[in-house]
């Protein structure tokens, strides 16, 4: 069976579920709630609340950035943990894994397809937050050229591009967590357990990242660059953080992908 057909089937499985759309709608509601709250009040005092929040009333495009900033620590990792933790454990728990392996597909290719589906969800989740933020920002606030963190002002068309780059950065940030979830999913046949373990690991990594006593460990945590997209909001764009983040996530994909394959290749799916 061609890999494209397998991937299409996997994406259909993920995005036909009510659970998936409920999570995406919940993510999209975050920037909407932020925008409505700012619109109904006089706005937050300068310097209070999440970064960019005090700029929302002046330019609606900042709603998308605030939404992404608020979703990165908890809501996005939680939804990714649900999807990634369900990849293999969900099939095993429902008794469908053995039938999947009856098809002419290797276990390694099946793992790659499952991971690719989780990666696509990462992109869809980040885009949902960004697009809902842009939509509600256009509806409730004036929108125009954006003043960047460097003090430069860019035109509206390029501003949309910068928001897209931030969404892409956030998507890349979640790929390491997806690989961890894939591995955990091969260890158990209970999908809820895999989801919970992946979510807990995400929270634990962020807690470790806040402890100054473990500063030597911080660059190795998959959460280390999660909020480092500020460099994409400068002129010119500084790609250092993006590159370091992508390299770190690639390392986690390789390590936990190999662990997942080592576990899955010897997993008894007939018992």
Protein backbone atom coordinates (compact mmCIF):
# COMPACT_ATOMS: atom_id res chain seq x y z
CA UNK A 1 0.00 0.00 0.00
CA UNK A 2 1.48 3.44 -0.95
CA UNK A 3 2.59 5.62 1.93
CA UNK A 4 0.44 8.47 0.62
CA UNK A 5 -2.68 6.33 0.95
CA UNK A 6 -1.71 5.29 4.45
CA UNK A 7 -1.09 8.90 5.46
CA UNK A 8 -4.41 9.99 3.95
CA UNK A 9 -6.15 7.24 5.90
CA UNK A 10 -4.38 8.29 9.11
CA UNK A 11 -5.31 11.95 8.65
CA UNK A 12 -8.89 10.95 7.95
CA UNK A 13 -8.89 8.92 11.16
CA UNK A 14 -7.53 11.85 13.19
CA UNK A 15 -9.66 14.63 11.76
CA UNK A 16 -12.96 12.77 11.55
CA UNK A 17 -13.07 12.37 15.31
CA UNK A 18 -15.29 14.71 17.30
CA UNK A 19 -12.59 14.78 19.96
CA UNK A 20 -10.12 16.29 17.51
CA UNK A 21 -12.48 19.04 16.43
CA UNK A 22 -13.50 19.71 20.02
CA UNK A 23 -9.84 20.28 20.90
CA UNK A 24 -9.27 22.48 17.85
CA UNK A 25 -12.34 24.56 18.63
CA UNK A 26 -11.21 24.92 22.24
CA UNK A 27 -7.83 26.18 21.01
CA UNK A 28 -9.52 28.61 18.66
CA UNK A 29 -11.65 29.91 21.51
CA UNK A 30 -8.58 31.14 23.42
CA UNK A 31 -7.77 34.15 21.17
CA UNK A 32 -11.49 34.83 20.78
CA UNK A 33 -11.91 35.09 24.56
CA UNK A 34 -8.84 37.32 24.78
CA UNK A 35 -10.15 39.65 22.08
CA UNK A 36 -13.64 39.86 23.58
CA UNK A 37 -12.23 40.55 27.04
CA UNK A 38 -10.04 43.39 25.73
CA UNK A 39 -12.88 44.78 23.62
CA UNK A 40 -15.31 44.88 26.54
CA UNK A 41 -12.83 46.54 28.89
CA UNK A 42 -10.52 49.50 28.67
CA UNK A 43 -7.64 47.11 27.99
CA UNK A 44 -4.85 45.90 30.28
CA UNK A 45 -2.42 48.35 31.87
CA UNK A 46 0.82 48.68 29.95
CA UNK A 47 3.28 45.99 30.93
CA UNK A 48 0.64 43.81 32.61
CA UNK A 49 -0.51 40.41 31.35
CA UNK A 50 1.02 38.32 28.54
CA UNK A 51 3.39 39.91 26.06
CA UNK A 52 1.66 41.89 23.26
CA UNK A 53 -1.62 42.05 25.21
CA UNK A 54 -1.41 45.81 25.59
CA UNK A 55 -1.08 46.15 21.79
CA UNK A 56 -4.26 44.25 20.92
CA UNK A 57 -6.60 47.25 21.02
CA UNK A 58 -4.35 49.18 18.66
CA UNK A 59 -3.85 46.39 16.12
CA UNK A 60 -6.00 43.26 15.89
CA UNK A 61 -3.19 41.13 14.48
CA UNK A 62 -1.66 40.95 17.94
CA UNK A 63 -4.63 38.82 19.06
CA UNK A 64 -3.13 35.90 17.13
CA UNK A 65 0.25 36.36 18.79
CA UNK A 66 -1.26 36.62 22.27
CA UNK A 67 -3.34 33.51 21.58
CA UNK A 68 -0.30 31.50 20.53
CA UNK A 69 1.69 32.76 23.49
CA UNK A 70 -1.04 31.71 25.91
CA UNK A 71 -1.61 28.30 24.31
CA UNK A 72 2.03 27.19 24.07
CA UNK A 73 2.66 26.33 27.75
CA UNK A 74 -0.44 24.18 28.37
CA UNK A 75 -3.28 23.99 25.85
CA UNK A 76 -1.29 23.10 22.74
CA UNK A 77 0.89 20.48 24.50
CA UNK A 78 -2.24 18.95 26.04
CA UNK A 79 -3.95 18.50 22.68
CA UNK A 80 -0.77 17.17 21.08
CA UNK A 81 -0.38 14.72 23.97
CA UNK A 82 -3.88 13.39 23.29
CA UNK A 83 -3.20 12.83 19.58
CA UNK A 84 0.36 11.50 19.92
CA UNK A 85 -0.46 9.29 22.90
CA UNK A 86 -3.29 7.70 20.93
CA UNK A 87 -1.22 6.80 17.85
CA UNK A 88 -0.33 3.20 18.72
CA UNK A 89 -1.98 2.68 22.09
CA UNK A 90 -5.35 3.67 20.64
CA UNK A 91 -5.10 1.05 17.89
CA UNK A 92 -3.92 -1.58 20.39
CA UNK A 93 -6.64 -0.72 22.86
CA UNK A 94 -9.37 -1.05 20.22
CA UNK A 95 -7.88 -4.27 18.87
CA UNK A 96 -7.26 -2.84 15.39
CA UNK A 97 -3.46 -2.81 15.49
CA UNK A 98 -3.12 -6.45 14.48
CA UNK A 99 -5.32 -5.84 11.43
CA UNK A 100 -3.24 -2.87 10.39
CA UNK A 101 -0.14 -5.04 10.45
CA UNK A 102 -1.82 -7.65 8.25
CA UNK A 103 -1.57 -5.13 5.41
CA UNK A 104 1.67 -5.15 3.38
CA UNK A 105 3.27 -2.44 5.52
CA UNK A 106 6.28 -2.70 7.80
CA UNK A 107 6.10 -1.67 11.42
CA UNK A 108 8.67 1.04 10.80
CA UNK A 109 6.58 2.57 8.01
CA UNK A 110 3.44 2.36 10.13
CA UNK A 111 5.23 4.23 12.93
CA UNK A 112 6.39 6.90 10.47
CA UNK A 113 2.85 7.34 9.15
CA UNK A 114 1.45 7.59 12.67
CA UNK A 115 4.06 10.21 13.57
CA UNK A 116 3.41 12.16 10.37
CA UNK A 117 -0.28 12.32 11.28
CA UNK A 118 0.57 13.70 14.72
CA UNK A 119 2.92 16.24 13.12
CA UNK A 120 0.17 17.43 10.79
CA UNK A 121 -2.06 17.90 13.82
CA UNK A 122 0.64 20.06 15.42
CA UNK A 123 0.49 22.37 12.40
CA UNK A 124 -3.32 22.34 12.32
CA UNK A 125 -3.52 23.22 16.03
CA UNK A 126 -1.12 26.16 15.75
CA UNK A 127 -2.87 27.42 12.61
CA UNK A 128 -6.25 27.19 14.31
CA UNK A 129 -5.10 29.51 17.08
CA UNK A 130 -3.45 31.91 14.61
CA UNK A 131 -6.36 32.02 12.16
CA UNK A 132 -9.00 32.45 14.86
CA UNK A 133 -6.86 35.21 16.35
CA UNK A 134 -6.56 36.98 13.01
CA UNK A 135 -10.28 36.58 12.31
CA UNK A 136 -11.50 37.96 15.63
CA UNK A 137 -8.83 40.66 15.51
CA UNK A 138 -10.08 41.85 12.12
CA UNK A 139 -13.64 41.83 13.43
CA UNK A 140 -13.17 43.71 16.70
CA UNK A 141 -10.12 45.96 16.25
CA UNK A 142 -8.41 48.15 13.69
CA UNK A 143 -5.76 46.33 11.67
CA UNK A 144 -2.81 47.93 9.94
CA UNK A 145 0.98 47.95 9.64
CA UNK A 146 2.66 46.27 12.59
CA UNK A 147 5.43 47.79 14.70
CA UNK A 148 7.94 45.04 15.47
CA UNK A 149 9.98 44.49 18.61
CA UNK A 150 12.93 46.08 16.85
CA UNK A 151 10.93 49.29 16.38
CA UNK A 152 10.54 48.86 12.61
CA UNK A 153 7.11 48.98 10.99
CA UNK A 154 6.15 46.45 8.32
CA UNK A 155 3.18 46.56 5.92
CA UNK A 156 0.01 44.57 6.50
CA UNK A 157 0.79 41.84 3.96
CA UNK A 158 4.14 41.09 5.58
CA UNK A 159 2.49 41.19 9.01
CA UNK A 160 0.30 38.24 8.04
CA UNK A 161 3.44 36.43 6.90
CA UNK A 162 5.11 37.04 10.28
CA UNK A 163 2.10 35.58 12.10
CA UNK A 164 2.34 32.54 9.82
CA UNK A 165 6.03 32.17 10.67
CA UNK A 166 5.25 32.29 14.38
CA UNK A 167 2.61 29.57 13.89
CA UNK A 168 5.19 27.48 12.00
CA UNK A 169 7.69 28.01 14.83
CA UNK A 170 5.14 26.81 17.37
CA UNK A 171 4.35 23.77 15.21
CA UNK A 172 8.03 22.83 15.05
CA UNK A 173 8.29 23.29 18.81
CA UNK A 174 5.71 20.56 19.36
CA UNK A 175 7.37 17.93 17.18
CA UNK A 176 9.65 16.69 19.95
CA UNK A 177 6.68 16.23 22.27
CA UNK A 178 4.91 14.29 19.51
CA UNK A 179 7.89 11.93 19.26
CA UNK A 180 7.82 11.39 23.02
CA UNK A 181 4.08 10.69 22.81
CA UNK A 182 4.67 8.19 20.01
CA UNK A 183 7.21 6.32 22.12
CA UNK A 184 4.99 6.29 25.21
CA UNK A 185 2.15 5.04 23.02
CA UNK A 186 4.18 1.96 22.08
CA UNK A 187 4.80 1.10 25.72
CA UNK A 188 1.16 0.68 26.77
CA UNK A 189 -2.12 -0.53 25.32
CA UNK A 190 -4.07 2.03 27.37
CA UNK A 191 -4.40 5.24 25.31
CA UNK A 192 -5.53 7.39 28.26
CA UNK A 193 -2.38 6.40 30.12
CA UNK A 194 -0.17 7.32 27.17
CA UNK A 195 -1.93 10.67 26.79
CA UNK A 196 -1.62 11.48 30.48
CA UNK A 197 2.04 10.46 30.65
CA UNK A 198 2.91 12.61 27.63
CA UNK A 199 1.09 15.62 29.09
CA UNK A 200 2.78 15.16 32.47
CA UNK A 201 6.21 15.00 30.80
CA UNK A 202 5.44 18.29 29.05
CA UNK A 203 4.57 19.99 32.34
CA UNK A 204 7.56 18.43 34.11
CA UNK A 205 9.98 19.67 31.43
CA UNK A 206 8.63 23.22 31.79
CA UNK A 207 8.98 23.06 35.58
CA UNK A 208 12.57 21.85 35.27
CA UNK A 209 13.19 24.70 32.85
CA UNK A 210 12.29 27.20 35.57
CA UNK A 211 14.73 25.87 38.18
CA UNK A 212 17.99 27.88 38.22
CA UNK A 213 19.75 24.98 39.93
CA UNK A 214 19.30 22.96 36.74
CA UNK A 215 20.49 25.64 34.34
CA UNK A 216 22.93 23.16 32.76
CA UNK A 217 19.96 21.00 31.77
CA UNK A 218 17.80 23.72 30.25
CA UNK A 219 19.27 23.71 26.69
CA UNK A 220 18.52 19.97 26.45
CA UNK A 221 14.84 20.22 27.40
CA UNK A 222 12.45 19.98 24.45
CA UNK A 223 10.53 22.93 25.93
CA UNK A 224 13.57 25.22 26.06
CA UNK A 225 12.81 27.22 22.89
CA UNK A 226 9.02 27.05 23.00
CA UNK A 227 8.63 30.79 23.61
CA UNK A 228 11.60 31.88 21.53
CA UNK A 229 9.67 33.16 18.51
CA UNK A 230 10.28 36.81 19.41
CA UNK A 231 13.21 36.85 16.95
CA UNK A 232 10.70 36.40 14.13
CA UNK A 233 9.20 39.76 15.11
CA UNK A 234 12.33 41.77 14.42
CA UNK A 235 13.70 43.44 11.31
CA UNK A 236 15.60 41.73 9.86
CA UNK A 237 14.38 38.34 11.02
CA UNK A 238 16.83 36.55 13.29
CA UNK A 239 16.69 32.85 12.39
CA UNK A 240 19.00 31.66 15.17
CA UNK A 241 16.23 30.66 17.59
CA UNK A 242 14.25 28.95 14.82
CA UNK A 243 17.30 26.93 13.79
CA UNK A 244 18.25 25.97 17.34
CA UNK A 245 14.67 24.98 18.09
CA UNK A 246 14.41 22.87 14.92
CA UNK A 247 17.72 21.16 15.71
CA UNK A 248 16.65 20.38 19.27
CA UNK A 249 13.30 18.96 18.14
CA UNK A 250 15.04 16.91 15.44
CA UNK A 251 17.23 15.37 18.14
CA UNK A 252 14.17 14.35 20.14
CA UNK A 253 12.54 12.94 17.01
CA UNK A 254 15.61 10.81 16.27
CA UNK A 255 16.05 9.56 19.84
CA UNK A 256 12.44 8.84 20.69
CA UNK A 257 11.67 7.70 17.17
CA UNK A 258 14.42 5.09 17.54
CA UNK A 259 13.12 4.10 20.99
CA UNK A 260 9.59 3.81 19.62
CA UNK A 261 10.80 1.63 16.75
CA UNK A 262 12.86 -0.55 19.10
CA UNK A 263 9.82 -1.09 21.30
CA UNK A 264 7.29 -1.48 18.48
CA UNK A 265 9.43 -3.83 16.40
CA UNK A 266 9.33 -6.41 19.20
CA UNK A 267 5.83 -5.64 20.47
CA UNK A 268 3.43 -8.59 20.61
CA UNK A 269 0.25 -7.37 18.95
CA UNK A 270 -1.44 -10.78 18.79
CA UNK A 271 -1.99 -11.34 22.50
